[in-house]
Amino acid sequence: VLNDEMFAILVLMALFTTFITTPIVLSIYKNTNDKSFRTLCKLGDLDSNDKATNELRVLACVHGPNNSPSIINLMESIRSTKKSSLKVFIMHLVEFTERSSSIILAQNANKNGSLSFNRSSRVEWLDQLYRAFQVHSPLGQVSVLSKTTISSLSTMHDDICHVADGKMVTMIILLFHKRWRKVEMENEEENNEVSQHQMVENIGHGWRGVNQRVLKNAPCTVAILVDRGYGHGPQTLGLSTTVTQHVCVLFFGGPDDREALELGQRISNHPAVKLTVVRFIPKYVFEGNDMSHPSTSTSSEKSNNLAISKVYPQKEKELDDATMARFQSKWNGMVECVEKVASNNIMEEVLALGLSKDYDLIIVGKGSSSLVVDRQVEHEELGPIGDILASSIHDVVPSLLVIQQHDVLLNEQTPLSITNDNVI
């Protein structure tokens, strides 16, 4: 039988334990969803002599076998041959639905999230993709790990960001929710000659939502690949030292474009890649006028996509000039650098580069450019320039890689703009 004194002591002990447990747990538990604990990674951080921090770690997200050639060729393009190594994490994204095939696939998954491969499996292509990367491992210091995530589209971004954070990934590569495939058609007007045309396939707006949520929550640089057959042609990079691929970086200015230039700098190391950097300079800057251009500030207020609006334009220009100066000093004579004064119709100049068939891949920052923000953007996750080059209206030939540098302020303030997210 408890007396009053013993009962009071037990009650006080229970209250003390209840109130002290929460702060103790919070003080020792690292919340994986808390961005303040994350070590932010970007491509510019790789420019060091420390081998441990000079390793480029890439998380490549793939949907199926159609993505394999482009992902392989893209990884081969950024494979460094001497100074730093490349570590590739291949993540197979599988949508979990209530269909029996999806449930069985999930049940066959190992505890670590990877699948048990067998020769009759419908994901045998992933094993082949893994072996394709291994071919270049001895020469390019490439190591590859594969993983499969099976989840609903509404939560898949959590899996991607969790893996990227846990593996300390420098860059996540996502695939655009539309893909282009070439079909041969006979032209009756030209004596039934066979010509190639591009057809656009939409794999679902739900995948667009996945990309947008990853862009918002990723702890590192994110790249979206608009694949028009990069690596599907008769010539691929492989181990060749002859120039077989031509890559162009469009530089307008801002953090995203500087990150795109960092990636271009790494690609220029490959002996089989010819890199061209095209810098667009606003006309008012070229003429020496005040940097506070009236249309720039107005446009920046209208678009949350522009990281350039986070700081003063003059400071951005100084950072851009310093970045380009270092790049030209390091790669003088080895990389073609072109400067263009941006005209009033920047859209036509960008399209001209896309229609010229001179390049196999165009790299551009998502946040560029404030010169064209008045244009109605169809795909905000690509930014204004990327949206122009990804339009299915124009017969743009090269594939496109849109880069977004991680920005905590930008991610917290940018709302998601997802159209028909529930439509698959």
Protein backbone atom coordinates (compact mmCIF):
# COMPACT_ATOMS: atom_id res chain seq x y z
CA VAL A 1 0.00 0.00 0.00
CA LEU A 2 1.38 3.39 -1.04
CA ASN A 3 1.27 6.20 1.44
CA ASP A 4 0.79 9.81 0.40
CA GLU A 5 4.49 10.61 0.49
CA MET A 6 5.47 7.70 -1.76
CA PHE A 7 2.65 8.47 -4.19
CA ALA A 8 3.77 12.10 -4.47
CA ILE A 9 7.36 11.00 -5.18
CA LEU A 10 6.26 8.63 -7.96
CA VAL A 11 4.11 11.32 -9.57
CA LEU A 12 6.99 13.81 -9.51
CA MET A 13 9.35 11.22 -10.99
CA ALA A 14 6.89 10.49 -13.81
CA LEU A 15 6.50 14.18 -14.57
CA PHE A 16 10.26 14.74 -14.48
CA THR A 17 10.89 11.81 -16.82
CA THR A 18 8.20 13.00 -19.23
CA PHE A 19 9.47 16.56 -19.47
CA ILE A 20 13.19 15.75 -19.59
CA THR A 21 13.01 13.00 -22.23
CA THR A 22 12.03 15.21 -25.17
CA PRO A 23 14.85 17.80 -24.90
CA ILE A 24 17.44 15.08 -24.30
CA VAL A 25 16.38 13.13 -27.39
CA LEU A 26 16.28 16.28 -29.52
CA SER A 27 19.77 17.25 -28.39
CA ILE A 28 21.35 13.94 -29.41
CA TYR A 29 19.21 12.96 -32.40
CA LYS A 30 20.14 14.30 -35.83
CA ASN A 31 16.96 14.92 -37.79
CA THR A 32 17.62 13.84 -41.38
CA ASN A 33 14.89 16.16 -42.62
CA ASP A 34 16.41 19.23 -40.98
CA LYS A 35 18.30 21.15 -43.67
CA SER A 36 20.40 22.93 -41.06
CA PHE A 37 22.32 19.69 -40.42
CA ARG A 38 23.13 19.06 -44.05
CA THR A 39 26.52 19.61 -45.62
CA LEU A 40 25.68 21.51 -48.79
CA CYS A 41 27.55 20.32 -51.86
CA LYS A 42 28.22 22.03 -55.16
CA LEU A 43 30.50 21.45 -58.12
CA GLY A 44 32.68 24.42 -57.27
CA ASP A 45 33.73 22.72 -54.03
CA LEU A 46 35.60 20.05 -56.03
CA ASP A 47 38.35 22.45 -57.05
CA SER A 48 40.80 21.36 -54.40
CA ASN A 49 43.89 19.21 -53.98
CA ASP A 50 42.33 17.02 -51.31
CA LYS A 51 41.54 13.67 -52.89
CA ALA A 52 38.82 12.97 -50.32
CA THR A 53 36.90 16.12 -51.21
CA ASN A 54 37.77 16.11 -54.92
CA GLU A 55 35.61 13.09 -55.74
CA LEU A 56 32.56 13.87 -57.86
CA ARG A 57 29.62 11.88 -56.52
CA VAL A 58 26.63 11.71 -58.85
CA LEU A 59 23.18 10.24 -58.22
CA ALA A 60 21.72 9.33 -61.62
CA CYS A 61 17.98 8.60 -61.51
CA VAL A 62 16.68 6.41 -64.34
CA HIS A 63 13.21 5.20 -65.29
CA GLY A 64 13.93 2.39 -67.72
CA PRO A 65 16.20 0.96 -70.43
CA ASN A 66 15.50 3.86 -72.81
CA ASN A 67 17.55 6.12 -70.55
CA SER A 68 20.64 3.90 -70.44
CA PRO A 69 22.60 5.18 -73.50
CA SER A 70 22.16 8.84 -72.58
CA ILE A 71 23.08 8.35 -68.92
CA ILE A 72 26.14 6.30 -69.87
CA ASN A 73 27.31 8.91 -72.38
CA LEU A 74 26.67 11.79 -69.97
CA MET A 75 28.65 10.09 -67.21
CA GLU A 76 31.41 9.35 -69.70
CA SER A 77 31.48 13.05 -70.64
CA ILE A 78 32.10 14.17 -67.07
CA ARG A 79 34.49 11.33 -66.28
CA SER A 80 37.79 12.82 -65.18
CA THR A 81 40.91 11.05 -66.43
CA LYS A 82 43.56 12.22 -63.98
CA LYS A 83 42.96 14.47 -61.01
CA SER A 84 39.66 13.36 -59.47
CA SER A 85 37.50 10.29 -59.42
CA LEU A 86 33.85 9.78 -60.27
CA LYS A 87 31.43 7.81 -58.14
CA VAL A 88 28.07 7.07 -59.72
CA PHE A 89 24.99 5.95 -57.80
CA ILE A 90 22.41 4.57 -60.23
CA MET A 91 18.92 4.88 -58.76
CA HIS A 92 16.13 3.04 -60.55
CA LEU A 93 12.86 4.85 -59.87
CA VAL A 94 9.84 2.54 -59.79
CA GLU A 95 6.35 3.86 -59.15
CA PHE A 96 4.51 1.87 -56.51
CA THR A 97 0.87 1.29 -57.39
CA GLU A 98 -1.81 -1.16 -56.29
CA ARG A 99 -1.19 -3.34 -59.32
CA SER A 100 0.01 -6.85 -58.54
CA SER A 101 3.23 -6.49 -60.57
CA SER A 102 4.27 -3.48 -58.52
CA ILE A 103 3.51 -5.21 -55.23
CA ILE A 104 5.44 -8.35 -56.23
CA LEU A 105 8.41 -6.21 -57.28
CA ALA A 106 8.40 -4.51 -53.89
CA GLN A 107 8.20 -7.84 -52.06
CA ASN A 108 11.25 -9.11 -53.96
CA ALA A 109 13.34 -6.12 -52.90
CA ASN A 110 16.12 -6.65 -50.43
CA LYS A 111 16.18 -4.88 -47.10
CA ASN A 112 18.80 -2.42 -48.38
CA GLY A 113 16.47 -1.30 -51.17
CA SER A 114 18.15 -3.08 -54.07
CA LEU A 115 16.58 -5.78 -56.19
CA SER A 116 17.58 -9.40 -56.49
CA PHE A 117 18.46 -9.78 -60.17
CA ASN A 118 17.67 -12.83 -62.21
CA ARG A 119 17.91 -13.40 -65.94
CA SER A 120 14.15 -13.37 -66.39
CA SER A 121 13.69 -10.17 -64.43
CA ARG A 122 12.23 -7.19 -66.22
CA VAL A 123 14.96 -5.01 -64.67
CA GLU A 124 17.86 -7.00 -66.16
CA TRP A 125 18.74 -3.87 -68.14
CA LEU A 126 19.84 -2.22 -64.89
CA ASP A 127 22.44 -4.92 -64.40
CA GLN A 128 23.62 -4.31 -67.98
CA LEU A 129 23.82 -0.58 -67.28
CA TYR A 130 25.95 -1.32 -64.24
CA ARG A 131 28.36 -3.45 -66.29
CA ALA A 132 28.58 -0.76 -68.97
CA PHE A 133 29.92 1.71 -66.41
CA GLN A 134 32.38 -0.84 -65.11
CA VAL A 135 34.10 -0.95 -68.52
CA HIS A 136 35.55 2.51 -67.91
CA SER A 137 36.39 2.01 -64.23
CA PRO A 138 40.10 1.15 -64.60
CA LEU A 139 40.84 4.15 -66.84
CA GLY A 140 38.56 6.84 -65.49
CA GLN A 141 38.54 6.03 -61.77
CA VAL A 142 34.81 5.32 -61.93
CA SER A 143 33.02 3.35 -59.24
CA VAL A 144 29.36 2.44 -59.57
CA LEU A 145 26.66 1.42 -57.10
CA SER A 146 23.06 0.65 -58.01
CA LYS A 147 19.89 1.03 -55.98
CA THR A 148 16.16 0.73 -56.62
CA THR A 149 13.46 2.76 -54.93
CA ILE A 150 9.84 1.64 -55.10
CA SER A 151 7.46 4.29 -53.82
CA SER A 152 4.53 6.43 -54.81
CA LEU A 153 5.28 9.51 -56.88
CA SER A 154 4.11 11.80 -54.09
CA THR A 155 6.90 10.61 -51.75
CA MET A 156 9.61 9.53 -54.20
CA HIS A 157 11.45 12.82 -53.83
CA ASP A 158 12.05 11.99 -50.15
CA ASP A 159 13.83 8.78 -51.14
CA ILE A 160 15.97 10.60 -53.71
CA CYS A 161 16.96 13.41 -51.33
CA HIS A 162 17.60 10.95 -48.49
CA VAL A 163 20.01 8.90 -50.62
CA ALA A 164 21.70 12.05 -51.93
CA ASP A 165 22.17 13.33 -48.39
CA GLY A 166 23.38 10.01 -47.00
CA LYS A 167 25.85 9.42 -49.83
CA MET A 168 27.07 13.05 -49.75
CA VAL A 169 26.22 13.44 -53.42
CA THR A 170 27.52 16.46 -55.32
CA MET A 171 24.93 16.37 -58.11
CA ILE A 172 21.58 14.67 -58.75
CA ILE A 173 20.66 13.95 -62.36
CA LEU A 174 16.94 13.71 -63.11
CA LEU A 175 15.18 12.92 -66.36
CA PHE A 176 12.68 15.32 -67.88
CA HIS A 177 9.11 14.01 -67.90
CA LYS A 178 9.06 14.22 -71.70
CA ARG A 179 11.31 12.24 -73.98
CA TRP A 180 12.09 12.42 -77.66
CA ARG A 181 12.48 9.45 -79.94
CA LYS A 182 13.43 9.39 -83.60
CA VAL A 183 11.15 7.69 -86.11
CA GLU A 184 11.74 7.14 -89.80
CA MET A 185 9.06 8.32 -92.18
CA GLU A 186 8.81 8.22 -95.96
CA ASN A 187 8.43 11.55 -97.67
CA GLU A 188 6.26 11.14 -100.77
CA GLU A 189 7.15 14.61 -102.02
CA GLU A 190 10.83 13.65 -102.19
CA ASN A 191 10.62 10.32 -104.09
CA ASN A 192 9.73 8.35 -100.96
CA GLU A 193 13.05 9.13 -99.32
CA VAL A 194 13.24 8.09 -95.67
CA SER A 195 13.75 10.96 -93.23
CA GLN A 196 13.97 11.06 -89.44
CA HIS A 197 11.49 12.96 -87.32
CA GLN A 198 11.30 13.46 -83.58
CA MET A 199 8.24 12.36 -81.64
CA VAL A 200 7.57 13.52 -78.09
CA GLU A 201 6.33 11.13 -75.43
CA ASN A 202 4.98 12.33 -72.08
CA ILE A 203 5.68 9.77 -69.37
CA GLY A 204 3.30 11.49 -66.95
CA HIS A 205 2.84 14.77 -65.09
CA GLY A 206 3.39 12.87 -61.85
CA TRP A 207 7.07 12.52 -62.76
CA ARG A 208 7.20 16.25 -63.35
CA GLY A 209 6.02 16.69 -59.78
CA VAL A 210 8.82 14.43 -58.57
CA ASN A 211 11.39 16.60 -60.35
CA GLN A 212 9.97 19.81 -58.93
CA ARG A 213 9.94 18.50 -55.38
CA VAL A 214 13.53 17.28 -55.71
CA LEU A 215 14.56 20.73 -56.97
CA LYS A 216 12.95 22.26 -53.90
CA ASN A 217 14.39 19.88 -51.30
CA ALA A 218 17.69 18.58 -52.70
CA PRO A 219 20.81 19.11 -50.55
CA CYS A 220 23.06 19.57 -53.58
CA THR A 221 23.19 20.63 -57.22
CA VAL A 222 20.39 19.22 -59.40
CA ALA A 223 20.54 18.66 -63.16
CA ILE A 224 17.54 17.83 -65.35
CA LEU A 225 18.38 16.02 -68.59
CA VAL A 226 16.11 16.68 -71.57
CA ASP A 227 17.14 13.69 -73.64
CA ARG A 228 16.98 13.91 -77.42
CA GLY A 229 19.24 10.94 -78.01
CA TYR A 230 22.52 11.95 -76.37
CA GLY A 231 24.65 8.89 -76.97
CA HIS A 232 22.22 7.20 -79.39
CA GLY A 233 24.09 8.31 -82.51
CA PRO A 234 26.59 6.34 -84.57
CA GLN A 235 29.47 7.92 -82.63
CA THR A 236 29.77 7.63 -78.88
CA LEU A 237 32.54 8.70 -76.56
CA GLY A 238 33.80 5.40 -75.26
CA LEU A 239 37.57 5.35 -74.93
CA SER A 240 38.21 7.41 -78.06
CA THR A 241 40.56 10.39 -78.06
CA THR A 242 39.07 11.80 -81.26
CA VAL A 243 36.49 14.55 -80.81
CA THR A 244 33.10 12.91 -81.27
CA GLN A 245 30.85 15.10 -79.10
CA HIS A 246 30.34 18.86 -79.08
CA VAL A 247 29.03 20.47 -75.90
CA CYS A 248 27.95 24.09 -75.46
CA VAL A 249 27.53 26.02 -72.19
CA LEU A 250 25.26 29.07 -72.34
CA PHE A 251 26.34 31.65 -69.78
CA PHE A 252 24.05 34.56 -68.87
CA GLY A 253 25.15 35.03 -65.28
CA GLY A 254 24.05 34.04 -61.81
CA PRO A 255 24.77 31.12 -59.43
CA ASP A 256 23.15 28.48 -61.64
CA ASP A 257 25.13 29.52 -64.71
CA ARG A 258 28.35 29.55 -62.72
CA GLU A 259 27.57 26.01 -61.59
CA ALA A 260 26.90 25.04 -65.22
CA LEU A 261 30.30 26.49 -66.13
CA GLU A 262 31.92 24.38 -63.40
CA LEU A 263 30.39 21.27 -64.97
CA GLY A 264 31.55 22.41 -68.40
CA GLN A 265 35.04 22.83 -66.99
CA ARG A 266 35.06 19.20 -65.93
CA ILE A 267 33.67 18.03 -69.28
CA SER A 268 36.43 19.90 -71.10
CA ASN A 269 38.91 17.46 -69.51
CA HIS A 270 37.64 14.68 -71.75
CA PRO A 271 39.80 14.31 -74.87
CA ALA A 272 36.81 13.32 -77.03
CA VAL A 273 34.66 16.33 -76.11
CA LYS A 274 34.88 19.76 -77.72
CA LEU A 275 33.51 22.45 -75.38
CA THR A 276 32.21 25.86 -76.42
CA VAL A 277 31.16 28.56 -73.94
CA VAL A 278 28.81 31.26 -75.22
CA ARG A 279 28.43 34.23 -72.89
CA PHE A 280 25.54 36.63 -73.43
CA ILE A 281 26.20 40.15 -72.19
CA PRO A 282 23.23 42.52 -71.72
CA LYS A 283 23.39 45.47 -74.09
CA TYR A 284 23.17 48.02 -71.29
CA VAL A 285 26.22 46.45 -69.60
CA PHE A 286 28.17 46.37 -72.88
CA GLU A 287 27.45 50.07 -73.41
CA GLY A 288 28.68 50.87 -69.89
CA ASN A 289 25.35 52.02 -68.49
CA ASP A 290 24.23 51.68 -64.89
CA MET A 291 23.73 48.10 -63.78
CA SER A 292 20.34 48.87 -62.26
CA HIS A 293 18.53 48.24 -65.50
CA PRO A 294 14.80 48.97 -65.09
CA SER A 295 13.48 45.82 -66.72
CA THR A 296 15.84 43.55 -64.78
CA SER A 297 14.52 44.45 -61.34
CA THR A 298 10.92 44.28 -62.49
CA SER A 299 11.42 40.92 -64.10
CA SER A 300 13.20 39.51 -61.09
CA GLU A 301 10.25 40.37 -58.88
CA LYS A 302 7.94 38.47 -61.21
CA SER A 303 9.95 35.25 -61.25
CA ASN A 304 10.98 33.11 -58.30
CA ASN A 305 13.19 31.05 -60.62
CA LEU A 306 15.92 33.66 -60.79
CA ALA A 307 18.57 33.22 -58.14
CA ILE A 308 20.14 36.41 -59.49
CA SER A 309 17.38 38.41 -57.73
CA LYS A 310 18.78 37.36 -54.34
CA VAL A 311 21.73 39.74 -54.53
CA TYR A 312 22.57 43.07 -56.10
CA PRO A 313 23.14 42.90 -59.87
CA GLN A 314 26.51 44.64 -59.50
CA LYS A 315 27.74 41.95 -57.11
CA GLU A 316 26.48 39.25 -59.47
CA LYS A 317 28.32 40.85 -62.38
CA GLU A 318 31.55 40.90 -60.38
CA LEU A 319 31.16 37.20 -59.53
CA ASP A 320 30.36 36.36 -63.15
CA ASP A 321 33.35 38.30 -64.47
CA ALA A 322 35.68 36.68 -61.93
CA THR A 323 34.39 33.20 -62.79
CA MET A 324 34.81 33.75 -66.53
CA ALA A 325 38.27 35.25 -66.04
CA ARG A 326 39.45 32.20 -64.10
CA PHE A 327 37.91 29.87 -66.66
CA GLN A 328 39.51 31.61 -69.64
CA SER A 329 42.86 31.82 -67.90
CA LYS A 330 42.85 28.08 -67.18
CA TRP A 331 41.49 26.87 -70.51
CA ASN A 332 42.90 29.50 -72.86
CA GLY A 333 43.27 27.97 -76.31
CA MET A 334 41.65 24.66 -75.34
CA VAL A 335 38.04 25.84 -75.00
CA GLU A 336 36.28 28.13 -77.44
CA CYS A 337 34.80 31.13 -75.63
CA VAL A 338 32.39 33.41 -77.48
CA GLU A 339 30.86 36.64 -76.20
CA LYS A 340 27.60 37.95 -77.64
CA VAL A 341 25.78 41.16 -76.92
CA ALA A 342 22.23 40.15 -76.09
CA SER A 343 19.73 41.71 -78.46
CA ASN A 344 16.12 42.58 -77.70
CA ASN A 345 15.02 39.15 -78.90
CA ILE A 346 17.24 36.78 -76.96
CA MET A 347 14.84 33.91 -77.70
CA GLU A 348 15.79 33.86 -81.38
CA GLU A 349 19.50 33.82 -80.59
CA VAL A 350 19.11 30.89 -78.20
CA LEU A 351 16.94 28.99 -80.67
CA ALA A 352 19.49 29.57 -83.41
CA LEU A 353 22.07 27.71 -81.33
CA GLY A 354 19.62 24.87 -80.74
CA LEU A 355 18.66 24.60 -84.40
CA SER A 356 22.21 24.84 -85.73
CA LYS A 357 22.98 21.11 -85.25
CA ASP A 358 26.49 22.11 -84.17
CA TYR A 359 26.14 20.63 -80.69
CA ASP A 360 25.17 17.31 -79.15
CA LEU A 361 24.49 18.75 -75.69
CA ILE A 362 23.67 22.23 -74.40
CA ILE A 363 24.20 23.06 -70.71
CA VAL A 364 22.45 26.05 -69.14
CA GLY A 365 21.64 27.27 -65.65
CA LYS A 366 18.04 27.19 -64.52
CA GLY A 367 18.13 30.71 -63.10
CA SER A 368 19.23 32.43 -66.32
CA SER A 369 18.14 34.74 -67.77
CA SER A 370 16.37 37.83 -66.53
CA LEU A 371 16.40 39.04 -70.15
CA VAL A 372 13.55 36.70 -71.15
CA VAL A 373 11.41 36.37 -68.03
CA ASP A 374 8.56 38.25 -69.70
CA ARG A 375 8.01 35.17 -71.86
CA GLN A 376 5.35 32.75 -70.67
CA VAL A 377 7.25 29.73 -69.30
CA GLU A 378 5.67 26.32 -69.80
CA HIS A 379 8.12 24.32 -67.67
CA GLU A 380 9.28 26.40 -64.71
CA GLU A 381 11.59 23.64 -63.49
CA LEU A 382 13.78 24.30 -66.55
CA GLY A 383 13.96 28.06 -66.21
CA PRO A 384 13.33 30.52 -69.06
CA ILE A 385 16.24 29.48 -71.30
CA GLY A 386 15.80 25.77 -70.70
CA ASP A 387 12.09 26.08 -71.43
CA ILE A 388 12.85 27.61 -74.82
CA LEU A 389 15.23 24.80 -75.77
CA ALA A 390 12.90 22.08 -74.42
CA SER A 391 9.88 23.27 -76.38
CA SER A 392 8.38 20.60 -78.60
CA ILE A 393 7.24 23.28 -81.06
CA HIS A 394 10.75 23.91 -82.36
CA ASP A 395 12.95 21.27 -83.96
CA VAL A 396 15.80 21.68 -81.49
CA VAL A 397 18.38 18.96 -82.09
CA PRO A 398 20.78 18.72 -79.12
CA SER A 399 19.95 17.29 -75.74
CA LEU A 400 19.69 19.75 -72.87
CA LEU A 401 21.06 19.73 -69.32
CA VAL A 402 19.59 22.32 -66.94
CA ILE A 403 21.59 23.02 -63.77
CA GLN A 404 20.30 24.36 -60.46
CA GLN A 405 22.80 25.14 -57.73
CA HIS A 406 21.52 24.45 -54.23
CA ASP A 407 20.19 27.62 -52.63
CA VAL A 408 18.55 27.41 -49.19
CA LEU A 409 16.78 30.77 -49.51
CA LEU A 410 15.57 30.01 -53.02
CA ASN A 411 14.22 26.61 -52.00
CA GLU A 412 12.34 27.99 -49.01
CA GLN A 413 10.72 30.83 -50.94
CA THR A 414 9.98 29.15 -54.27
CA PRO A 415 6.52 27.57 -54.40
CA LEU A 416 5.84 24.43 -56.36
CA SER A 417 4.04 24.95 -59.62
CA ILE A 418 2.79 21.53 -60.63
CA THR A 419 0.22 21.06 -63.35
CA ASN A 420 -2.04 18.01 -63.04
CA ASP A 421 0.27 16.38 -60.52
CA ASN A 422 -2.14 13.51 -59.95
CA VAL A 423 -2.43 12.61 -63.60
CA ILE A 424 -0.26 9.65 -64.50
